[in-house]
């Protein structure tokens, strides 16, 4: 009988949901089932769990999926080879040629690229709008709108969308609301509880948390949608290997602890940046003058470890700052235990150049890690000076 994990606290679910000791050996840690296929007791006679081929299902991956579903408060989760693989499966499942997608105007460059350079060729239309304004989102709905896709907080400008309000807009349009919860993580925010239909993660980031694995996930409580996601994932083979699943599961165990430290350090970094003569603007939803602060405070436990800021002096000044940090490593990605700095306009969001989603050249994005906060602040101050 399946254990009801809903009564457990987050940290308990992170360690135990989907991770029962191995019944054969007693192994406390979920084994890595490094196998491509499974023996059958006669044709069609699959054994316990129904495993037959690892593209379709693998016990290590199943454990990760049970854990992620529990952490997000959903009935189902599917793990993928990357966050973009999960995005592709989600959009191709929920749209057909001639359908329309509403995309947040401040979105990850890879999501924009998928819609603009790939799915547009398939006949899927899209509109980018400011989803922080619910009425603007409502006005963007067309008769063929099938998906509203939002990030909150957004990448890289840390904008906030009201999930409950967007869920009402989507329901009224007969569309589905997808929330990319990568920045917030299931520890800080639970979109399904606010009415979202699907939650997406790049598990590469905070969920795994150690910059050593690439992965993605889709979580939903819609049985039919989950079945459709699973069918397409199996058909195209966008699955993580068992070791990738195991690494992600390993990282998720400490997600709650890490997010508290990430948030602590981010708040110290924001305090140091505010009022600095070389910083013209700080983007962080924890600031009371952030336009989305009240909504963020309503739907988030804390405000997370991502901070962006604009450098006085323009793009070259921003590039110079990024070149001078010592602890903040100049690199793409985010959510690892180590701190990273990047220039979105030339790195993660280069694909948006010339589009309404283009990021200003004076913006730098920080993934604030879990190092000593004083050391991180000093590193930024010396880079700015």
Protein backbone atom coordinates (compact mmCIF):
# COMPACT_ATOMS: atom_id res chain seq x y z
CA UNK A 1 0.00 0.00 0.00
CA UNK A 2 1.35 3.43 -0.99
CA UNK A 3 2.36 5.68 1.89
CA UNK A 4 0.32 8.89 2.21
CA UNK A 5 3.07 11.51 2.23
CA UNK A 6 0.78 14.55 2.15
CA UNK A 7 0.73 14.72 5.96
CA UNK A 8 4.52 15.03 6.15
CA UNK A 9 6.47 18.28 6.24
CA UNK A 10 8.51 19.31 3.20
CA UNK A 11 11.87 18.17 4.53
CA UNK A 12 10.44 14.77 5.50
CA UNK A 13 8.95 14.29 2.04
CA UNK A 14 12.24 15.30 0.42
CA UNK A 15 14.03 12.50 2.25
CA UNK A 16 11.38 9.77 2.30
CA UNK A 17 8.73 10.18 -0.44
CA UNK A 18 9.32 7.56 -3.12
CA UNK A 19 12.45 6.39 -1.30
CA UNK A 20 11.51 3.37 0.77
CA UNK A 21 14.38 1.00 1.68
CA UNK A 22 15.02 -1.58 -1.01
CA UNK A 23 12.81 -4.60 -0.13
CA UNK A 24 15.37 -7.16 -1.31
CA UNK A 25 18.58 -5.87 0.26
CA UNK A 26 17.42 -3.25 2.75
CA UNK A 27 19.46 -0.55 1.04
CA UNK A 28 18.42 2.76 2.60
CA UNK A 29 19.38 4.68 -0.56
CA UNK A 30 17.48 4.00 -3.79
CA UNK A 31 19.68 1.79 -6.02
CA UNK A 32 20.89 2.92 -9.43
CA UNK A 33 19.21 0.48 -11.79
CA UNK A 34 21.77 0.68 -14.59
CA UNK A 35 19.92 -1.56 -17.01
CA UNK A 36 18.31 -0.95 -20.37
CA UNK A 37 15.91 -3.89 -20.23
CA UNK A 38 14.14 -6.21 -17.76
CA UNK A 39 13.59 -9.97 -17.85
CA UNK A 40 10.00 -11.16 -18.37
CA UNK A 41 8.45 -14.33 -17.01
CA UNK A 42 7.00 -15.37 -20.33
CA UNK A 43 5.88 -13.06 -23.13
CA UNK A 44 4.20 -10.08 -21.52
CA UNK A 45 4.92 -11.41 -18.06
CA UNK A 46 6.52 -8.34 -16.54
CA UNK A 47 7.52 -8.49 -12.90
CA UNK A 48 6.71 -6.23 -9.96
CA UNK A 49 6.46 -2.59 -11.02
CA UNK A 50 5.72 -3.48 -14.64
CA UNK A 51 9.20 -2.63 -15.90
CA UNK A 52 10.15 -3.84 -19.36
CA UNK A 53 12.45 -1.24 -20.97
CA UNK A 54 14.21 1.74 -19.38
CA UNK A 55 13.11 4.27 -21.98
CA UNK A 56 9.56 3.63 -20.80
CA UNK A 57 10.25 3.33 -17.07
CA UNK A 58 13.14 2.66 -14.70
CA UNK A 59 12.90 2.11 -10.91
CA UNK A 60 15.44 4.82 -10.09
CA UNK A 61 13.53 7.29 -12.25
CA UNK A 62 10.25 6.20 -10.69
CA UNK A 63 11.61 7.04 -7.23
CA UNK A 64 12.58 10.52 -8.43
CA UNK A 65 9.16 11.05 -9.99
CA UNK A 66 7.33 9.99 -6.83
CA UNK A 67 9.50 12.37 -4.83
CA UNK A 68 8.92 15.33 -7.18
CA UNK A 69 5.16 14.74 -7.26
CA UNK A 70 5.08 14.75 -3.47
CA UNK A 71 7.22 17.88 -3.18
CA UNK A 72 4.99 19.80 -5.60
CA UNK A 73 1.74 18.47 -4.14
CA UNK A 74 0.72 16.81 -7.42
CA UNK A 75 -0.52 13.35 -8.28
CA UNK A 76 1.97 12.74 -11.07
CA UNK A 77 5.49 13.69 -12.12
CA UNK A 78 7.62 12.79 -15.12
CA UNK A 79 11.39 13.27 -15.29
CA UNK A 80 13.14 14.32 -18.49
CA UNK A 81 16.64 14.53 -19.93
CA UNK A 82 16.60 18.34 -19.57
CA UNK A 83 14.31 21.22 -18.74
CA UNK A 84 13.99 22.01 -22.44
CA UNK A 85 12.99 18.41 -23.18
CA UNK A 86 10.22 18.80 -20.60
CA UNK A 87 9.18 22.13 -22.16
CA UNK A 88 9.09 20.60 -25.64
CA UNK A 89 6.97 17.65 -24.53
CA UNK A 90 4.59 19.93 -22.65
CA UNK A 91 4.03 22.29 -25.57
CA UNK A 92 3.76 19.58 -28.22
CA UNK A 93 1.26 17.71 -26.07
CA UNK A 94 -0.97 20.70 -25.39
CA UNK A 95 -0.83 22.42 -28.79
CA UNK A 96 -1.44 21.57 -32.42
CA UNK A 97 -0.68 23.52 -35.63
CA UNK A 98 -2.81 26.64 -35.58
CA UNK A 99 -2.98 26.88 -31.79
CA UNK A 100 -1.81 29.89 -29.81
CA UNK A 101 0.46 30.23 -26.74
CA UNK A 102 0.75 33.24 -24.44
CA UNK A 103 4.33 33.60 -23.17
CA UNK A 104 5.50 35.95 -20.44
CA UNK A 105 7.39 38.96 -21.77
CA UNK A 106 10.34 38.28 -19.47
CA UNK A 107 11.04 34.60 -20.08
CA UNK A 108 13.99 32.24 -20.31
CA UNK A 109 15.71 32.53 -23.67
CA UNK A 110 15.52 28.81 -24.30
CA UNK A 111 11.73 28.79 -23.96
CA UNK A 112 11.48 31.72 -26.37
CA UNK A 113 13.82 29.96 -28.81
CA UNK A 114 11.73 26.78 -28.68
CA UNK A 115 8.57 28.69 -29.58
CA UNK A 116 10.10 31.15 -32.03
CA UNK A 117 12.56 28.92 -33.89
CA UNK A 118 11.04 25.44 -33.59
CA UNK A 119 7.33 25.30 -32.82
CA UNK A 120 6.53 28.32 -34.99
CA UNK A 121 7.70 26.23 -37.95
CA UNK A 122 5.17 23.61 -36.83
CA UNK A 123 2.40 26.21 -37.04
CA UNK A 124 2.11 27.14 -33.37
CA UNK A 125 1.52 30.87 -32.84
CA UNK A 126 2.63 32.80 -29.77
CA UNK A 127 2.29 36.23 -28.21
CA UNK A 128 4.64 37.67 -25.60
CA UNK A 129 2.91 39.85 -23.01
CA UNK A 130 3.48 41.23 -19.53
CA UNK A 131 1.87 38.49 -17.44
CA UNK A 132 2.38 40.53 -14.27
CA UNK A 133 -0.63 42.56 -15.46
CA UNK A 134 -3.60 40.20 -15.35
CA UNK A 135 -5.76 42.38 -17.59
CA UNK A 136 -3.01 42.46 -20.21
CA UNK A 137 -2.90 38.68 -20.06
CA UNK A 138 -6.68 38.48 -20.41
CA UNK A 139 -6.63 40.81 -23.40
CA UNK A 140 -4.02 38.61 -25.12
CA UNK A 141 -6.30 35.56 -25.11
CA UNK A 142 -7.40 34.46 -28.59
CA UNK A 143 -10.02 31.88 -29.59
CA UNK A 144 -7.19 29.41 -30.35
CA UNK A 145 -5.21 30.03 -27.14
CA UNK A 146 -4.37 26.70 -25.54
CA UNK A 147 -1.52 27.52 -23.14
CA UNK A 148 -0.53 30.39 -20.87
CA UNK A 149 3.15 29.91 -19.98
CA UNK A 150 4.63 31.88 -17.11
CA UNK A 151 7.69 31.98 -14.92
CA UNK A 152 7.46 33.46 -11.46
CA UNK A 153 9.95 34.74 -10.51
CA UNK A 154 11.01 35.36 -14.10
CA UNK A 155 14.40 34.86 -15.68
CA UNK A 156 16.34 37.17 -15.50
CA UNK A 157 14.45 40.23 -14.20
CA UNK A 158 12.73 38.50 -11.26
CA UNK A 159 9.22 39.59 -12.22
CA UNK A 160 6.26 38.12 -10.35
CA UNK A 161 3.01 36.77 -11.79
CA UNK A 162 -0.15 36.16 -9.77
CA UNK A 163 -0.66 32.42 -10.27
CA UNK A 164 -4.23 32.38 -8.94
CA UNK A 165 -5.30 35.25 -11.20
CA UNK A 166 -3.65 33.69 -14.28
CA UNK A 167 -5.30 30.35 -13.46
CA UNK A 168 -8.69 32.09 -13.64
CA UNK A 169 -7.75 33.65 -16.99
CA UNK A 170 -6.65 30.28 -18.37
CA UNK A 171 -9.76 28.49 -17.11
CA UNK A 172 -12.01 31.13 -18.66
CA UNK A 173 -10.25 30.69 -21.99
CA UNK A 174 -10.32 26.89 -21.91
CA UNK A 175 -6.52 26.98 -21.82
CA UNK A 176 -3.97 25.46 -19.48
CA UNK A 177 -1.65 27.38 -17.19
CA UNK A 178 1.97 26.17 -17.06
CA UNK A 179 4.21 27.60 -14.35
CA UNK A 180 7.96 27.28 -14.67
CA UNK A 181 8.84 26.95 -10.98
CA UNK A 182 12.59 26.58 -11.48
CA UNK A 183 13.59 29.79 -9.69
CA UNK A 184 11.21 29.38 -6.76
CA UNK A 185 11.50 25.59 -6.35
CA UNK A 186 8.76 23.51 -4.70
CA UNK A 187 10.16 24.55 -1.32
CA UNK A 188 9.35 28.22 -1.81
CA UNK A 189 6.23 27.99 -4.00
CA UNK A 190 3.49 25.46 -4.87
CA UNK A 191 1.81 26.54 -8.13
CA UNK A 192 -0.61 23.60 -8.31
CA UNK A 193 -2.10 24.76 -5.02
CA UNK A 194 -2.80 28.16 -6.61
CA UNK A 195 -4.58 26.67 -9.63
CA UNK A 196 -1.82 25.93 -12.15
CA UNK A 197 -2.41 22.92 -14.41
CA UNK A 198 1.25 22.00 -14.91
CA UNK A 199 4.48 22.80 -13.08
CA UNK A 200 7.76 22.65 -14.96
CA UNK A 201 11.29 22.43 -13.55
CA UNK A 202 14.74 22.47 -14.92
CA UNK A 203 15.91 20.05 -12.23
CA UNK A 204 19.44 20.91 -13.37
CA UNK A 205 19.10 23.93 -11.13
CA UNK A 206 17.99 24.07 -7.49
CA UNK A 207 16.35 20.64 -7.27
CA UNK A 208 19.61 18.80 -7.95
CA UNK A 209 21.56 21.75 -6.58
CA UNK A 210 25.15 20.67 -7.20
CA UNK A 211 25.84 21.60 -10.85
CA UNK A 212 26.57 18.00 -11.75
CA UNK A 213 23.48 16.80 -13.65
CA UNK A 214 21.08 18.02 -16.36
CA UNK A 215 17.38 17.23 -16.12
CA UNK A 216 13.79 18.42 -16.21
CA UNK A 217 10.36 17.54 -14.86
CA UNK A 218 6.64 18.04 -15.41
CA UNK A 219 4.24 17.74 -12.48
CA UNK A 220 0.44 17.72 -12.73
CA UNK A 221 -2.66 16.36 -11.04
CA UNK A 222 -4.47 15.97 -14.38
CA UNK A 223 -4.57 12.23 -15.05
CA UNK A 224 -5.24 12.54 -18.78
CA UNK A 225 -2.57 15.16 -19.33
CA UNK A 226 -0.03 13.08 -17.41
CA UNK A 227 -0.81 10.07 -19.60
CA UNK A 228 -0.34 12.18 -22.74
CA UNK A 229 2.97 13.56 -21.47
CA UNK A 230 4.14 10.03 -20.73
CA UNK A 231 3.13 8.72 -24.15
CA UNK A 232 5.04 11.44 -26.00
CA UNK A 233 8.07 11.16 -23.73
CA UNK A 234 8.26 7.43 -24.43
CA UNK A 235 7.68 7.96 -28.15
CA UNK A 236 10.56 10.43 -28.54
CA UNK A 237 12.79 9.08 -25.76
CA UNK A 238 13.47 12.31 -23.85
CA UNK A 239 14.39 10.47 -20.65
CA UNK A 240 17.18 10.84 -18.07
CA UNK A 241 19.47 7.92 -17.38
CA UNK A 242 19.29 6.19 -13.99
CA UNK A 243 22.45 7.86 -12.68
CA UNK A 244 21.07 11.31 -13.61
CA UNK A 245 17.82 10.45 -11.81
CA UNK A 246 19.78 9.25 -8.77
CA UNK A 247 21.89 12.42 -8.63
CA UNK A 248 18.76 14.57 -8.81
CA UNK A 249 17.08 12.54 -6.09
CA UNK A 250 20.21 12.87 -3.96
CA UNK A 251 20.21 16.64 -4.38
CA UNK A 252 16.51 17.06 -3.64
CA UNK A 253 16.98 15.64 -0.14
CA UNK A 254 18.60 18.89 1.02
CA UNK A 255 16.53 21.31 -1.05
CA UNK A 256 14.78 22.89 1.93
CA UNK A 257 18.00 23.48 3.84
CA UNK A 258 19.76 24.89 0.80
CA UNK A 259 16.94 27.26 -0.14
CA UNK A 260 16.98 28.81 3.32
CA UNK A 261 20.71 29.53 2.98
CA UNK A 262 20.35 30.72 -0.63
CA UNK A 263 17.65 33.13 0.53
CA UNK A 264 19.68 34.33 3.52
CA UNK A 265 22.68 35.09 1.32
CA UNK A 266 20.59 36.72 -1.42
CA UNK A 267 19.11 39.12 1.10
CA UNK A 268 22.60 40.13 2.24
CA UNK A 269 23.72 40.63 -1.35
CA UNK A 270 20.66 42.77 -2.12
CA UNK A 271 21.34 44.92 0.94
CA UNK A 272 24.91 45.49 -0.23
CA UNK A 273 23.87 46.39 -3.78
CA UNK A 274 21.14 48.84 -2.80
CA UNK A 275 22.42 52.39 -2.94
CA UNK A 276 25.80 51.40 -4.36
CA UNK A 277 26.95 54.15 -6.76
CA UNK A 278 27.79 51.59 -9.49
CA UNK A 279 24.34 49.94 -9.28
CA UNK A 280 21.39 51.70 -10.90
CA UNK A 281 18.71 49.12 -10.11
CA UNK A 282 18.29 45.89 -8.13
CA UNK A 283 15.76 43.26 -9.16
CA UNK A 284 14.57 41.15 -6.23
CA UNK A 285 10.97 40.34 -5.22
CA UNK A 286 11.85 40.60 -1.54
CA UNK A 287 12.20 44.38 -1.88
CA UNK A 288 9.08 46.16 -0.67
CA UNK A 289 9.16 48.53 -3.66
CA UNK A 290 9.29 45.63 -6.15
CA UNK A 291 6.04 45.83 -8.17
CA UNK A 292 5.31 42.16 -7.48
CA UNK A 293 6.32 42.10 -3.82
CA UNK A 294 2.84 41.72 -2.35
CA UNK A 295 1.94 38.87 -4.71
CA UNK A 296 5.28 37.18 -4.08
CA UNK A 297 4.77 37.45 -0.33
CA UNK A 298 1.37 35.80 -0.74
CA UNK A 299 2.49 32.83 -2.83
CA UNK A 300 6.13 32.30 -1.81
CA UNK A 301 7.62 31.12 1.46
CA UNK A 302 10.71 33.29 0.94
CA UNK A 303 12.09 35.20 -2.05
CA UNK A 304 14.84 32.90 -3.25
CA UNK A 305 18.49 33.03 -4.21
CA UNK A 306 18.35 34.79 -7.59
CA UNK A 307 19.30 38.48 -7.80
CA UNK A 308 19.75 40.67 -10.86
CA UNK A 309 21.01 44.22 -11.05
CA UNK A 310 21.80 46.94 -13.58
CA UNK A 311 25.29 48.43 -13.61
CA UNK A 312 25.82 52.17 -13.96
CA UNK A 313 27.82 52.82 -17.11
CA UNK A 314 26.11 50.38 -19.47
CA UNK A 315 27.06 47.08 -21.03
CA UNK A 316 30.85 47.38 -20.94
CA UNK A 317 30.74 48.32 -17.27
CA UNK A 318 28.59 45.25 -16.60
CA UNK A 319 31.00 43.02 -18.50
CA UNK A 320 33.90 44.47 -16.50
CA UNK A 321 32.18 43.67 -13.19
CA UNK A 322 31.48 40.10 -14.33
CA UNK A 323 35.17 39.71 -15.21
CA UNK A 324 36.38 40.86 -11.78
CA UNK A 325 34.50 38.56 -9.41
CA UNK A 326 36.48 35.78 -7.74
CA UNK A 327 33.90 33.73 -5.80
CA UNK A 328 31.04 34.41 -8.19
CA UNK A 329 32.05 32.19 -11.11
CA UNK A 330 31.30 33.52 -14.60
CA UNK A 331 29.11 30.76 -15.98
CA UNK A 332 25.63 29.96 -17.27
CA UNK A 333 23.06 27.98 -15.26
CA UNK A 334 22.03 28.61 -11.67
CA UNK A 335 20.84 26.99 -8.47
CA UNK A 336 24.03 25.20 -7.47
CA UNK A 337 25.72 25.44 -4.09
CA UNK A 338 28.37 27.70 -5.65
CA UNK A 339 27.65 31.31 -6.61
CA UNK A 340 27.52 32.23 -10.30
CA UNK A 341 27.41 35.50 -12.24
CA UNK A 342 26.40 35.92 -15.85
CA UNK A 343 25.52 38.50 -18.49
CA UNK A 344 22.06 37.44 -19.75
CA UNK A 345 22.14 39.57 -22.89
CA UNK A 346 25.22 37.77 -24.22
CA UNK A 347 24.81 34.42 -22.52
CA UNK A 348 21.55 32.71 -21.46
CA UNK A 349 19.27 35.15 -23.29
CA UNK A 350 21.31 35.80 -26.44
CA UNK A 351 18.55 34.14 -28.48
CA UNK A 352 16.17 36.97 -27.55
CA UNK A 353 18.33 39.67 -29.22
CA UNK A 354 16.16 41.83 -31.44
CA UNK A 355 12.93 40.51 -29.90
CA UNK A 356 10.62 42.09 -27.31
CA UNK A 357 12.32 39.81 -24.74
CA UNK A 358 15.81 41.22 -25.32
CA UNK A 359 17.62 41.88 -22.03
CA UNK A 360 19.36 45.21 -21.52
CA UNK A 361 23.15 45.03 -21.78
CA UNK A 362 23.67 46.63 -18.38
CA UNK A 363 22.01 43.72 -16.52
CA UNK A 364 23.92 41.05 -14.60
CA UNK A 365 22.28 38.00 -13.04
CA UNK A 366 23.50 36.36 -9.84
CA UNK A 367 22.81 32.87 -8.61
CA UNK A 368 23.70 33.40 -4.97
CA UNK A 369 25.16 30.22 -3.51
CA UNK A 370 25.50 28.91 0.03
CA UNK A 371 29.02 30.12 0.78
CA UNK A 372 29.71 32.48 3.68
CA UNK A 373 27.55 35.53 3.04
CA UNK A 374 30.21 38.00 4.13
CA UNK A 375 32.67 36.59 1.60
CA UNK A 376 30.10 36.89 -1.20
CA UNK A 377 29.30 40.51 -0.37
CA UNK A 378 32.99 41.43 -0.24
CA UNK A 379 33.57 39.75 -3.60
CA UNK A 380 30.83 41.80 -5.25
CA UNK A 381 31.98 45.04 -3.66
CA UNK A 382 35.53 44.59 -4.89
CA UNK A 383 34.26 43.74 -8.38
CA UNK A 384 32.07 46.85 -8.44
CA UNK A 385 34.94 49.05 -7.24
